[in-house]
C-alpha cells in the first residue's frame, strides 16, 4: 500500500495534539483514526476526508473533490480531495478541520463480536 508520506506527515503534524490517534493501513493508504473513529486518510495522490453528510453536496462543488464509491455505492460523508487542491496551508487546514469537526459527532464503527 503506497501512500504519499509527505501528505501523511502533514496530517500527523496537524492532529498531533489530539491525543487518541491511531494509524491503520486501509483504503489503499494510511487512515488516521481519532478517538477510535476514522477521520482522514491519505493515499498516493489525495486525501479522503470523513465529513458531515449534511454538507456533502456543498463540498462536492469544490474543485479537486470527488466522491468515495465503495462496492458501486456512493458513500455520502466521504470525499477524496486532490493533493493539488491542498497544497496551500489554508486549503489543507480547511479539509482537516472539516474532518475533525465531524469526528466529534461521528459514531465509531461497531467492533466485531468475539467468537
Protein backbone atom coordinates (compact mmCIF):
# COMPACT_ATOMS: atom_id res chain seq x y z
CA UNK A 1 0.00 0.00 0.00
CA UNK A 2 1.83 3.02 -1.25
CA UNK A 3 0.81 6.38 0.11
CA UNK A 4 2.21 9.88 -0.01
CA UNK A 5 4.50 10.16 3.03
CA UNK A 6 4.68 13.96 2.79
CA UNK A 7 0.89 14.24 2.96
CA UNK A 8 0.79 11.72 5.80
CA UNK A 9 3.39 13.76 7.71
CA UNK A 10 1.32 16.94 7.22
CA UNK A 11 -1.70 15.14 8.66
CA UNK A 12 0.33 13.75 11.57
CA UNK A 13 1.53 17.25 12.38
CA UNK A 14 -1.97 18.73 12.11
CA UNK A 15 -3.54 16.21 14.51
CA UNK A 16 -0.58 15.51 16.80
CA UNK A 17 -2.09 17.31 19.81
CA UNK A 18 -5.41 15.46 19.74
CA UNK A 19 -4.41 12.55 21.93
CA UNK A 20 -6.10 9.29 20.91
CA UNK A 21 -4.71 8.81 17.39
CA UNK A 22 -4.13 5.50 15.66
CA UNK A 23 -2.81 4.84 12.16
CA UNK A 24 -4.25 1.94 10.17
CA UNK A 25 -3.43 0.77 6.69
CA UNK A 26 -6.66 0.69 4.71
CA UNK A 27 -8.30 2.10 1.56
CA UNK A 28 -5.02 1.68 -0.36
CA UNK A 29 -3.23 4.01 2.02
CA UNK A 30 -2.97 5.16 5.62
CA UNK A 31 -6.01 6.10 7.69
CA UNK A 32 -5.83 8.23 10.79
CA UNK A 33 -8.28 7.20 13.46
CA UNK A 34 -9.13 9.89 16.00
CA UNK A 35 -10.86 8.75 19.21
CA UNK A 36 -11.43 5.32 17.68
CA UNK A 37 -13.17 6.74 14.59
CA UNK A 38 -11.94 7.00 11.01
CA UNK A 39 -11.19 10.65 10.37
CA UNK A 40 -8.85 11.26 7.45
CA UNK A 41 -6.89 9.01 5.12
CA UNK A 42 -4.09 9.50 2.61
CA UNK A 43 -3.19 7.53 -0.50
CA UNK A 44 -0.70 8.27 -3.25
CA UNK A 45 -2.31 11.42 -4.69
CA UNK A 46 -5.16 12.55 -2.47
CA UNK A 47 -6.69 12.56 0.97
CA UNK A 48 -10.01 11.04 1.93
CA UNK A 49 -11.99 13.10 4.41
CA UNK A 50 -14.86 11.86 6.53
CA UNK A 51 -17.24 14.80 6.67
CA UNK A 52 -20.75 15.57 7.82
CA UNK A 53 -23.16 14.04 5.27
CA UNK A 54 -25.29 17.20 5.64
CA UNK A 55 -22.61 19.23 3.83
CA UNK A 56 -21.66 16.54 1.32
CA UNK A 57 -23.36 18.17 -1.68
CA UNK A 58 -21.75 21.54 -0.94
CA UNK A 59 -18.27 20.05 -0.69
CA UNK A 60 -18.74 18.17 -3.96
CA UNK A 61 -18.97 21.56 -5.73
CA UNK A 62 -15.40 22.44 -4.71
CA UNK A 63 -12.57 21.91 -7.21
CA UNK A 64 -10.50 18.75 -6.91
CA UNK A 65 -13.12 16.88 -4.90
CA UNK A 66 -14.62 13.56 -5.92
CA UNK A 67 -16.99 11.12 -4.20
CA UNK A 68 -15.94 7.94 -2.49
CA UNK A 69 -17.53 4.98 -4.22
CA UNK A 70 -17.37 1.67 -2.37
CA UNK A 71 -18.77 -1.51 -3.95
CA UNK A 72 -20.60 0.62 -6.53
CA UNK A 73 -22.27 2.77 -3.89
CA UNK A 74 -21.53 6.46 -3.34
CA UNK A 75 -20.62 6.97 0.31
CA UNK A 76 -22.09 10.29 1.38
CA UNK A 77 -19.93 11.68 4.11
CA UNK A 78 -16.66 10.61 2.50
CA UNK A 79 -14.84 12.63 -0.16
CA UNK A 80 -11.48 12.45 -1.88
CA UNK A 81 -9.54 15.72 -2.22
CA UNK A 82 -6.71 16.01 -4.74
CA UNK A 83 -3.26 16.86 -3.41
CA UNK A 84 -3.21 19.73 -5.94
CA UNK A 85 -6.05 21.42 -4.04
CA UNK A 86 -4.43 21.12 -0.62
CA UNK A 87 -1.00 22.50 -1.44
CA UNK A 88 -1.72 25.69 0.48
CA UNK A 89 -1.87 25.54 4.27
CA UNK A 90 -5.23 27.30 4.21
CA UNK A 91 -6.88 24.67 1.99
CA UNK A 92 -5.18 21.78 3.80
CA UNK A 93 -6.32 23.10 7.18
CA UNK A 94 -9.87 23.59 5.84
CA UNK A 95 -10.21 19.89 4.97
CA UNK A 96 -8.51 18.65 8.14
CA UNK A 97 -10.75 20.85 10.30
CA UNK A 98 -13.86 19.72 8.40
CA UNK A 99 -12.91 16.10 9.14
CA UNK A 100 -12.13 16.81 12.79
CA UNK A 101 -15.40 18.70 13.27
CA UNK A 102 -17.42 15.71 12.07
CA UNK A 103 -15.23 13.29 14.06
CA UNK A 104 -16.60 14.81 17.28
CA UNK A 105 -20.14 13.72 16.41
CA UNK A 106 -19.44 10.65 14.27
CA UNK A 107 -20.20 7.21 15.61
CA UNK A 108 -17.44 4.67 15.86
CA UNK A 109 -17.75 1.53 13.76
CA UNK A 110 -19.16 -1.45 15.58
CA UNK A 111 -16.48 -3.79 16.84
CA UNK A 112 -16.79 -7.37 15.58
CA UNK A 113 -18.08 -9.83 18.15
CA UNK A 114 -15.53 -12.26 19.51
CA UNK A 115 -16.31 -15.91 18.96
